[in-house]
Amino acid sequence: MKPIKLTMQAFGPFAKTETIDFVWKNATATLRWNHIFSDKLFMNVSGIYSQYNYALSSKNSGGSPSGTASNFKWKSAVENWILKPDFTFYQNAETKIRFGINSTLYRFTPAKVTGNEEGLNTVNFGKEKGLEVAPYFSYNRNWKKFSINAGLRYSWFGNLGSYKVYFYDPNLPQTVATTTGSKQYKSGELIKAYHGFEPRLAFKYDISNRKAIKLGYNRMFQYIHLISNTYATLPFDIWKPAGYHVKPLEVNQIS
């Protein structure tokens, strides 16, 4: 993907041109194997890899008071490794049962900043890892005008090392000045785990060929968060997993 480039002209005694480049890139690959055990049981195994890269860079052609050129680069990325064995069992023409397990390994590069301006050295926030494992079961039954879809999913998420976790004074805001200690976790070591059941239930009644009444409920957990910086004029956004200090979001939805 070609970068989206924005050029700004500065004004004043040191007026020079500052160029800001934005780049977004996505890459994905999938391997899939299908197998028919019988006329009722079907299996689909998928292996998926995806990568999202985001970069921002700024170049100043000498507009600083010292008259020297300055620049910085910001890089961020999210990688996913997914393994999904899914099974479908057709009990009869009206009943379908699905079950399986979804496993996702996340690797986050929140930010890596390099620059040559005074006070802006290379900063690497370090990589973070997360593992989500979720077995599930769903039941779908159709009658002449009425249908029901019920399912249950157990979701487990673990924040993994290697990573250094800082501890803070619970009575003060979490800043560098309020840290009380830290702990370095080894590669693959479990830092914090969250889990819970995600049930869902949906009903449908066909009044006619063009009208229907639907009622549904489901619960979901969100373990991945987008943190946006609304203070800076540039879009410094990072993705972060749930962990020691960041809890997952829980949503109960009725429709």
C-alpha atoms as a PDB file:
ATOM      1  CA  MET A   1       0.000   0.000   0.000  1.00  0.00           C
ATOM      2  CA  LYS A   2       1.369   3.411  -0.932  1.00  0.00           C
ATOM      3  CA  PRO A   3       1.795   5.937   1.902  1.00  0.00           C
ATOM      4  CA  ILE A   4      -0.706   8.755   2.373  1.00  0.00           C
ATOM      5  CA  LYS A   5       1.454  11.853   2.391  1.00  0.00           C
ATOM      6  CA  LEU A   6       0.628  15.200   3.966  1.00  0.00           C
ATOM      7  CA  THR A   7       2.951  18.176   3.416  1.00  0.00           C
ATOM      8  CA  MET A   8       2.801  21.174   5.754  1.00  0.00           C
ATOM      9  CA  GLN A   9       4.500  24.555   5.317  1.00  0.00           C
ATOM     10  CA  ALA A  10       5.754  26.303   8.460  1.00  0.00           C
ATOM     11  CA  PHE A  11       5.857  30.081   8.842  1.00  0.00           C
ATOM     12  CA  GLY A  12       8.263  32.364  10.728  1.00  0.00           C
ATOM     13  CA  PRO A  13      11.972  33.171  10.722  1.00  0.00           C
ATOM     14  CA  PHE A  14      12.868  29.463  10.568  1.00  0.00           C
ATOM     15  CA  ALA A  15      10.152  28.529   8.056  1.00  0.00           C
ATOM     16  CA  LYS A  16      10.862  25.252   6.305  1.00  0.00           C
ATOM     17  CA  THR A  17       8.836  22.381   4.940  1.00  0.00           C
ATOM     18  CA  GLU A  18       7.713  19.532   7.172  1.00  0.00           C
ATOM     19  CA  THR A  19       6.506  16.333   5.537  1.00  0.00           C
ATOM     20  CA  ILE A  20       4.342  13.841   7.412  1.00  0.00           C
ATOM     21  CA  ASP A  21       3.764  10.360   5.960  1.00  0.00           C
ATOM     22  CA  PHE A  22       1.118   7.870   7.062  1.00  0.00           C
ATOM     23  CA  VAL A  23       1.242   4.193   6.056  1.00  0.00           C
ATOM     24  CA  TRP A  24      -1.246   1.383   6.747  1.00  0.00           C
ATOM     25  CA  LYS A  25      -0.605  -2.180   5.577  1.00  0.00           C
ATOM     26  CA  ASN A  26      -2.484  -5.461   5.953  1.00  0.00           C
ATOM     27  CA  ALA A  27      -1.364  -8.991   5.106  1.00  0.00           C
ATOM     28  CA  THR A  28      -3.174 -12.284   5.559  1.00  0.00           C
ATOM     29  CA  ALA A  29      -2.829 -15.957   4.648  1.00  0.00           C
ATOM     30  CA  THR A  30      -5.203 -18.896   5.168  1.00  0.00           C
ATOM     31  CA  LEU A  31      -4.893 -22.676   4.984  1.00  0.00           C
ATOM     32  CA  ARG A  32      -8.084 -24.737   5.118  1.00  0.00           C
ATOM     33  CA  TRP A  33      -8.823 -28.440   5.205  1.00  0.00           C
ATOM     34  CA  ASN A  34     -12.322 -29.865   4.784  1.00  0.00           C
ATOM     35  CA  HIS A  35     -13.244 -33.448   5.607  1.00  0.00           C
ATOM     36  CA  ILE A  36     -16.531 -35.357   5.383  1.00  0.00           C
ATOM     37  CA  PHE A  37     -16.790 -38.100   7.988  1.00  0.00           C
ATOM     38  CA  SER A  38     -20.305 -39.152   6.926  1.00  0.00           C
ATOM     39  CA  ASP A  39     -23.432 -37.744   5.347  1.00  0.00           C
ATOM     40  CA  LYS A  40     -24.161 -36.054   8.705  1.00  0.00           C
ATOM     41  CA  LEU A  41     -20.778 -34.981  10.120  1.00  0.00           C
ATOM     42  CA  PHE A  42     -18.564 -32.391   8.415  1.00  0.00           C
ATOM     43  CA  MET A  43     -15.248 -30.857   9.575  1.00  0.00           C
ATOM     44  CA  ASN A  44     -13.507 -27.619   8.588  1.00  0.00           C
ATOM     45  CA  VAL A  45     -10.018 -26.821   9.977  1.00  0.00           C
ATOM     46  CA  SER A  46      -8.608 -23.352   9.286  1.00  0.00           C
ATOM     47  CA  GLY A  47      -5.191 -21.900   9.979  1.00  0.00           C
ATOM     48  CA  ILE A  48      -5.071 -18.122   9.580  1.00  0.00           C
ATOM     49  CA  TYR A  49      -2.299 -15.560   9.849  1.00  0.00           C
ATOM     50  CA  SER A  50      -2.909 -11.818   9.699  1.00  0.00           C
ATOM     51  CA  GLN A  51      -0.711  -8.772  10.216  1.00  0.00           C
ATOM     52  CA  TYR A  52      -1.612  -5.092  10.544  1.00  0.00           C
ATOM     53  CA  ASN A  53       1.159  -2.485  10.322  1.00  0.00           C
ATOM     54  CA  TYR A  54       0.843   1.208  10.999  1.00  0.00           C
ATOM     55  CA  ALA A  55       3.635   3.744  10.564  1.00  0.00           C
ATOM     56  CA  LEU A  56       3.980   7.492  10.860  1.00  0.00           C
ATOM     57  CA  SER A  57       7.029   9.597  10.044  1.00  0.00           C
ATOM     58  CA  SER A  58       7.856  13.299  10.054  1.00  0.00           C
ATOM     59  CA  LYS A  59      10.733  15.069   8.304  1.00  0.00           C
ATOM     60  CA  ASN A  60      11.686  18.700   8.925  1.00  0.00           C
ATOM     61  CA  SER A  61      14.111  20.154   6.389  1.00  0.00           C
ATOM     62  CA  GLY A  62      15.842  22.494   8.818  1.00  0.00           C
ATOM     63  CA  GLY A  63      13.135  24.606  10.355  1.00  0.00           C
ATOM     64  CA  SER A  64      14.379  24.256  13.931  1.00  0.00           C
ATOM     65  CA  PRO A  65      16.131  27.196  15.637  1.00  0.00           C
ATOM     66  CA  SER A  66      19.445  25.391  15.194  1.00  0.00           C
ATOM     67  CA  GLY A  67      18.848  25.211  11.458  1.00  0.00           C
ATOM     68  CA  THR A  68      19.370  21.447  11.317  1.00  0.00           C
ATOM     69  CA  ALA A  69      17.056  18.887   9.807  1.00  0.00           C
ATOM     70  CA  SER A  70      15.041  16.733  12.227  1.00  0.00           C
ATOM     71  CA  ASN A  71      12.879  13.646  11.842  1.00  0.00           C
ATOM     72  CA  PHE A  72      11.153  10.869  13.766  1.00  0.00           C
ATOM     73  CA  LYS A  73       9.483   7.559  12.911  1.00  0.00           C
ATOM     74  CA  TRP A  74       6.681   5.764  14.716  1.00  0.00           C
ATOM     75  CA  LYS A  75       5.889   2.084  14.040  1.00  0.00           C
ATOM     76  CA  SER A  76       3.116  -0.111  15.431  1.00  0.00           C
ATOM     77  CA  ALA A  77       1.858  -3.588  14.517  1.00  0.00           C
ATOM     78  CA  VAL A  78      -0.588  -6.364  15.443  1.00  0.00           C
ATOM     79  CA  GLU A  79      -0.124 -10.021  14.431  1.00  0.00           C
ATOM     80  CA  ASN A  80      -2.619 -12.878  14.803  1.00  0.00           C
ATOM     81  CA  TRP A  81      -2.136 -16.648  14.525  1.00  0.00           C
ATOM     82  CA  ILE A  82      -5.522 -18.439  14.457  1.00  0.00           C
ATOM     83  CA  LEU A  83      -6.379 -22.153  14.529  1.00  0.00           C
ATOM     84  CA  LYS A  84     -10.067 -23.115  14.156  1.00  0.00           C
ATOM     85  CA  PRO A  85     -11.287 -26.724  14.000  1.00  0.00           C
ATOM     86  CA  ASP A  86     -15.065 -26.519  13.394  1.00  0.00           C
ATOM     87  CA  PHE A  87     -17.518 -29.424  13.204  1.00  0.00           C
ATOM     88  CA  THR A  88     -21.059 -29.447  11.811  1.00  0.00           C
ATOM     89  CA  PHE A  89     -23.490 -32.275  12.575  1.00  0.00           C
ATOM     90  CA  TYR A  90     -26.787 -32.495  10.671  1.00  0.00           C
ATOM     91  CA  GLN A  91     -29.022 -34.516  12.948  1.00  0.00           C
ATOM     92  CA  ASN A  92     -31.916 -34.239  10.486  1.00  0.00           C
ATOM     93  CA  ALA A  93     -33.318 -31.780   7.962  1.00  0.00           C
ATOM     94  CA  GLU A  94     -34.528 -29.446  10.723  1.00  0.00           C
ATOM     95  CA  THR A  95     -31.695 -29.733  13.267  1.00  0.00           C
ATOM     96  CA  LYS A  96     -28.078 -28.619  12.917  1.00  0.00           C
ATOM     97  CA  ILE A  97     -25.419 -28.785  15.657  1.00  0.00           C
ATOM     98  CA  ARG A  98     -22.075 -26.993  15.489  1.00  0.00           C
ATOM     99  CA  PHE A  99     -19.119 -27.301  17.861  1.00  0.00           C
ATOM    100  CA  GLY A 100     -15.403 -26.663  17.892  1.00  0.00           C
ATOM    101  CA  ILE A 101     -12.690 -24.495  19.381  1.00  0.00           C
ATOM    102  CA  ASN A 102     -11.125 -21.193  18.318  1.00  0.00           C
ATOM    103  CA  SER A 103      -7.550 -20.413  19.356  1.00  0.00           C
ATOM    104  CA  THR A 104      -5.847 -17.081  18.662  1.00  0.00           C
ATOM    105  CA  LEU A 105      -2.307 -16.020  19.539  1.00  0.00           C
ATOM    106  CA  TYR A 106      -1.816 -12.240  19.478  1.00  0.00           C
ATOM    107  CA  ARG A 107       1.454 -10.341  19.288  1.00  0.00           C
ATOM    108  CA  PHE A 108       1.393  -6.567  19.715  1.00  0.00           C
ATOM    109  CA  THR A 109       4.060  -4.008  18.943  1.00  0.00           C
ATOM    110  CA  PRO A 110       2.456  -0.958  20.626  1.00  0.00           C
ATOM    111  CA  ALA A 111       5.061   1.565  19.472  1.00  0.00           C
ATOM    112  CA  LYS A 112       8.655   1.886  18.431  1.00  0.00           C
ATOM    113  CA  VAL A 113       9.818   5.487  18.061  1.00  0.00           C
ATOM    114  CA  THR A 114      13.137   6.633  16.625  1.00  0.00           C
ATOM    115  CA  GLY A 115      14.303  10.214  16.077  1.00  0.00           C
ATOM    116  CA  ASN A 116      17.254  12.577  16.056  1.00  0.00           C
ATOM    117  CA  GLU A 117      15.680  15.562  17.819  1.00  0.00           C
ATOM    118  CA  GLU A 118      16.976  16.678  21.184  1.00  0.00           C
ATOM    119  CA  GLY A 119      15.159  14.820  23.942  1.00  0.00           C
ATOM    120  CA  LEU A 120      13.696  12.238  21.524  1.00  0.00           C
ATOM    121  CA  ASN A 121      15.772   9.094  21.680  1.00  0.00           C
ATOM    122  CA  THR A 122      14.782   5.645  20.486  1.00  0.00           C
ATOM    123  CA  VAL A 123      11.842   4.381  22.553  1.00  0.00           C
ATOM    124  CA  ASN A 124      10.620   0.791  22.306  1.00  0.00           C
ATOM    125  CA  PHE A 125       7.529  -0.037  24.359  1.00  0.00           C
ATOM    126  CA  GLY A 126       8.229  -3.756  23.990  1.00  0.00           C
ATOM    127  CA  LYS A 127       6.060  -6.485  22.516  1.00  0.00           C
ATOM    128  CA  GLU A 128       3.010  -7.881  24.282  1.00  0.00           C
ATOM    129  CA  LYS A 129       1.427 -11.291  23.752  1.00  0.00           C
ATOM    130  CA  GLY A 130      -2.014 -12.697  24.388  1.00  0.00           C
ATOM    131  CA  LEU A 131      -3.627 -16.109  23.938  1.00  0.00           C
ATOM    132  CA  GLU A 132      -7.388 -16.614  23.544  1.00  0.00           C
ATOM    133  CA  VAL A 133      -8.951 -20.089  23.629  1.00  0.00           C
ATOM    134  CA  ALA A 134     -12.697 -20.521  23.177  1.00  0.00           C
ATOM    135  CA  PRO A 135     -14.546 -23.847  22.798  1.00  0.00           C
ATOM    136  CA  TYR A 136     -18.159 -23.482  21.676  1.00  0.00           C
ATOM    137  CA  PHE A 137     -21.378 -25.374  21.014  1.00  0.00           C
ATOM    138  CA  SER A 138     -24.490 -24.241  19.107  1.00  0.00           C
ATOM    139  CA  TYR A 139     -27.880 -25.794  18.399  1.00  0.00           C
ATOM    140  CA  ASN A 140     -30.202 -24.719  15.592  1.00  0.00           C
ATOM    141  CA  ARG A 141     -33.730 -26.113  15.132  1.00  0.00           C
ATOM    142  CA  ASN A 142     -36.313 -25.099  12.527  1.00  0.00           C
ATOM    143  CA  TRP A 143     -40.020 -25.765  12.523  1.00  0.00           C
ATOM    144  CA  LYS A 144     -42.576 -24.602   9.985  1.00  0.00           C
ATOM    145  CA  LYS A 145     -42.715 -20.981  11.151  1.00  0.00           C
ATOM    146  CA  PHE A 146     -40.608 -21.009  14.289  1.00  0.00           C
ATOM    147  CA  SER A 147     -36.846 -21.430  14.747  1.00  0.00           C
ATOM    148  CA  ILE A 148     -34.462 -21.346  17.674  1.00  0.00           C
ATOM    149  CA  ASN A 149     -30.698 -20.873  17.835  1.00  0.00           C
ATOM    150  CA  ALA A 150     -28.946 -21.503  21.155  1.00  0.00           C
ATOM    151  CA  GLY A 151     -25.233 -21.511  21.846  1.00  0.00           C
ATOM    152  CA  LEU A 152     -22.652 -21.459  24.593  1.00  0.00           C
ATOM    153  CA  ARG A 153     -19.015 -20.325  24.307  1.00  0.00           C
ATOM    154  CA  TYR A 154     -16.393 -20.447  27.020  1.00  0.00           C
ATOM    155  CA  SER A 155     -13.824 -17.729  26.539  1.00  0.00           C
ATOM    156  CA  TRP A 156     -10.359 -17.730  28.158  1.00  0.00           C
ATOM    157  CA  PHE A 157      -7.719 -15.066  27.608  1.00  0.00           C
ATOM    158  CA  GLY A 158      -4.207 -14.916  29.006  1.00  0.00           C
ATOM    159  CA  ASN A 159      -1.734 -12.038  28.863  1.00  0.00           C
ATOM    160  CA  LEU A 160       1.716 -13.597  28.350  1.00  0.00           C
ATOM    161  CA  GLY A 161       5.334 -12.529  28.857  1.00  0.00           C
ATOM    162  CA  SER A 162       8.024 -11.656  28.303  1.00  0.00           C
ATOM    163  CA  TYR A 163       7.026  -8.272  29.698  1.00  0.00           C
ATOM    164  CA  LYS A 164       7.788  -6.016  32.638  1.00  0.00           C
ATOM    165  CA  VAL A 165       4.770  -5.012  34.741  1.00  0.00           C
ATOM    166  CA  TYR A 166       4.978  -1.937  36.957  1.00  0.00           C
ATOM    167  CA  PHE A 167       3.042  -1.581  40.207  1.00  0.00           C
ATOM    168  CA  TYR A 168       1.570   1.706  41.429  1.00  0.00           C
ATOM    169  CA  ASP A 169       0.319   3.330  44.586  1.00  0.00           C
ATOM    170  CA  PRO A 170      -3.413   2.432  44.653  1.00  0.00           C
ATOM    171  CA  ASN A 171      -4.324   5.830  46.127  1.00  0.00           C
ATOM    172  CA  LEU A 172      -2.669   7.889  43.373  1.00  0.00           C
ATOM    173  CA  PRO A 173      -2.932   8.158  39.572  1.00  0.00           C
ATOM    174  CA  GLN A 174      -0.755   5.705  37.657  1.00  0.00           C
ATOM    175  CA  THR A 175       2.269   7.741  36.552  1.00  0.00           C
ATOM    176  CA  VAL A 176       6.026   7.228  36.509  1.00  0.00           C
ATOM    177  CA  ALA A 177       6.288   9.117  39.808  1.00  0.00           C
ATOM    178  CA  THR A 178       3.822   6.799  41.613  1.00  0.00           C
ATOM    179  CA  THR A 179       5.430   3.427  40.793  1.00  0.00           C
ATOM    180  CA  THR A 180       6.141   1.217  43.817  1.00  0.00           C
ATOM    181  CA  GLY A 181       7.958  -1.619  42.064  1.00  0.00           C
ATOM    182  CA  SER A 182       7.998  -3.903  39.039  1.00  0.00           C
ATOM    183  CA  LYS A 183       8.188  -7.564  38.009  1.00  0.00           C
ATOM    184  CA  GLN A 184       9.800  -9.028  34.907  1.00  0.00           C
ATOM    185  CA  TYR A 185       7.833 -11.959  33.450  1.00  0.00           C
ATOM    186  CA  LYS A 186       9.614 -14.578  31.364  1.00  0.00           C
ATOM    187  CA  SER A 187       8.715 -15.499  27.802  1.00  0.00           C
ATOM    188  CA  GLY A 188       5.424 -17.411  27.762  1.00  0.00           C
ATOM    189  CA  GLU A 189       4.798 -16.837  31.484  1.00  0.00           C
ATOM    190  CA  LEU A 190       1.197 -16.050  32.390  1.00  0.00           C
ATOM    191  CA  ILE A 191       0.816 -12.479  33.634  1.00  0.00           C
ATOM    192  CA  LYS A 192      -2.962 -12.245  34.013  1.00  0.00           C
ATOM    193  CA  ALA A 193      -5.909 -14.394  32.892  1.00  0.00           C
ATOM    194  CA  TYR A 194      -9.591 -13.626  32.344  1.00  0.00           C
ATOM    195  CA  HIS A 195     -12.395 -16.016  31.467  1.00  0.00           C
ATOM    196  CA  GLY A 196     -16.162 -16.343  31.321  1.00  0.00           C
ATOM    197  CA  PHE A 197     -19.141 -17.926  29.579  1.00  0.00           C
ATOM    198  CA  GLU A 198     -20.685 -16.291  26.521  1.00  0.00           C
ATOM    199  CA  PRO A 199     -24.231 -17.627  26.053  1.00  0.00           C
ATOM    200  CA  ARG A 200     -26.515 -16.659  23.230  1.00  0.00           C
ATOM    201  CA  LEU A 201     -30.153 -17.379  22.450  1.00  0.00           C
ATOM    202  CA  ALA A 202     -32.241 -16.304  19.449  1.00  0.00           C
ATOM    203  CA  PHE A 203     -35.867 -16.904  18.481  1.00  0.00           C
ATOM    204  CA  LYS A 204     -37.559 -16.250  15.145  1.00  0.00           C
ATOM    205  CA  TYR A 205     -41.229 -16.473  14.183  1.00  0.00           C
ATOM    206  CA  ASP A 206     -42.299 -16.016  10.550  1.00  0.00           C
ATOM    207  CA  ILE A 207     -45.580 -14.143  10.323  1.00  0.00           C
ATOM    208  CA  SER A 208     -45.527 -14.293   6.533  1.00  0.00           C
ATOM    209  CA  ASN A 209     -43.042 -14.570   3.668  1.00  0.00           C
ATOM    210  CA  ARG A 210     -42.076 -10.903   4.211  1.00  0.00           C
ATOM    211  CA  LYS A 211     -42.567 -10.422   7.957  1.00  0.00           C
ATOM    212  CA  ALA A 212     -40.944 -11.991  11.008  1.00  0.00           C
ATOM    213  CA  ILE A 213     -40.503 -11.364  14.725  1.00  0.00           C
ATOM    214  CA  LYS A 214     -37.026 -11.900  16.206  1.00  0.00           C
ATOM    215  CA  LEU A 215     -35.770 -11.867  19.779  1.00  0.00           C
ATOM    216  CA  GLY A 216     -32.163 -12.432  20.811  1.00  0.00           C
ATOM    217  CA  TYR A 217     -29.674 -12.219  23.667  1.00  0.00           C
ATOM    218  CA  ASN A 218     -25.908 -12.691  23.778  1.00  0.00           C
ATOM    219  CA  ARG A 219     -22.945 -11.911  26.022  1.00  0.00           C
ATOM    220  CA  MET A 220     -19.443 -11.072  24.758  1.00  0.00           C
ATOM    221  CA  PHE A 221     -16.009 -10.296  26.180  1.00  0.00           C
ATOM    222  CA  GLN A 222     -13.591  -7.941  24.463  1.00  0.00           C
ATOM    223  CA  TYR A 223      -9.925  -8.499  25.304  1.00  0.00           C
ATOM    224  CA  ILE A 224      -8.331  -6.148  22.756  1.00  0.00           C
ATOM    225  CA  HIS A 225      -8.479  -2.374  23.214  1.00  0.00           C
ATOM    226  CA  LEU A 226      -7.669   0.573  20.959  1.00  0.00           C
ATOM    227  CA  ILE A 227      -6.049   3.441  22.875  1.00  0.00           C
ATOM    228  CA  SER A 228      -6.311   6.784  21.087  1.00  0.00           C
ATOM    229  CA  ASN A 229      -4.364   9.933  21.952  1.00  0.00           C
ATOM    230  CA  THR A 230      -6.788  12.826  21.522  1.00  0.00           C
ATOM    231  CA  TYR A 231      -4.248  15.343  22.847  1.00  0.00           C
ATOM    232  CA  ALA A 232      -1.748  15.058  19.993  1.00  0.00           C
ATOM    233  CA  THR A 233      -2.582  16.441  16.549  1.00  0.00           C
ATOM    234  CA  LEU A 234      -1.200  13.278  14.908  1.00  0.00           C
ATOM    235  CA  PRO A 235      -3.029   9.910  15.146  1.00  0.00           C
ATOM    236  CA  PHE A 236      -0.863   8.109  17.713  1.00  0.00           C
ATOM    237  CA  ASP A 237      -3.167   5.105  18.222  1.00  0.00           C
ATOM    238  CA  ILE A 238      -2.033   1.791  19.718  1.00  0.00           C
ATOM    239  CA  TRP A 239      -3.630  -1.601  20.308  1.00  0.00           C
ATOM    240  CA  LYS A 240      -3.262  -3.185  23.738  1.00  0.00           C
ATOM    241  CA  PRO A 241      -4.472  -6.497  25.199  1.00  0.00           C
ATOM    242  CA  ALA A 242      -6.198  -6.929  28.529  1.00  0.00           C
ATOM    243  CA  GLY A 243      -3.626  -7.537  31.224  1.00  0.00           C
ATOM    244  CA  TYR A 244      -2.544  -6.745  34.759  1.00  0.00           C
ATOM    245  CA  HIS A 245      -3.910  -3.174  34.786  1.00  0.00           C
ATOM    246  CA  VAL A 246      -6.425  -3.302  31.890  1.00  0.00           C
ATOM    247  CA  LYS A 247      -9.554  -5.421  32.322  1.00  0.00           C
ATOM    248  CA  PRO A 248     -11.637  -6.804  29.422  1.00  0.00           C
ATOM    249  CA  LEU A 249     -14.990  -5.318  28.501  1.00  0.00           C
ATOM    250  CA  GLU A 250     -18.143  -7.365  29.102  1.00  0.00           C
ATOM    251  CA  VAL A 251     -21.228  -6.686  26.985  1.00  0.00           C
ATOM    252  CA  ASN A 252     -24.745  -8.054  27.457  1.00  0.00           C
ATOM    253  CA  GLN A 253     -26.923  -7.366  24.411  1.00  0.00           C
ATOM    254  CA  ILE A 254     -30.661  -7.832  23.915  1.00  0.00           C
ATOM    255  CA  SER A 255     -32.229  -7.288  20.489  1.00  0.00           C
END
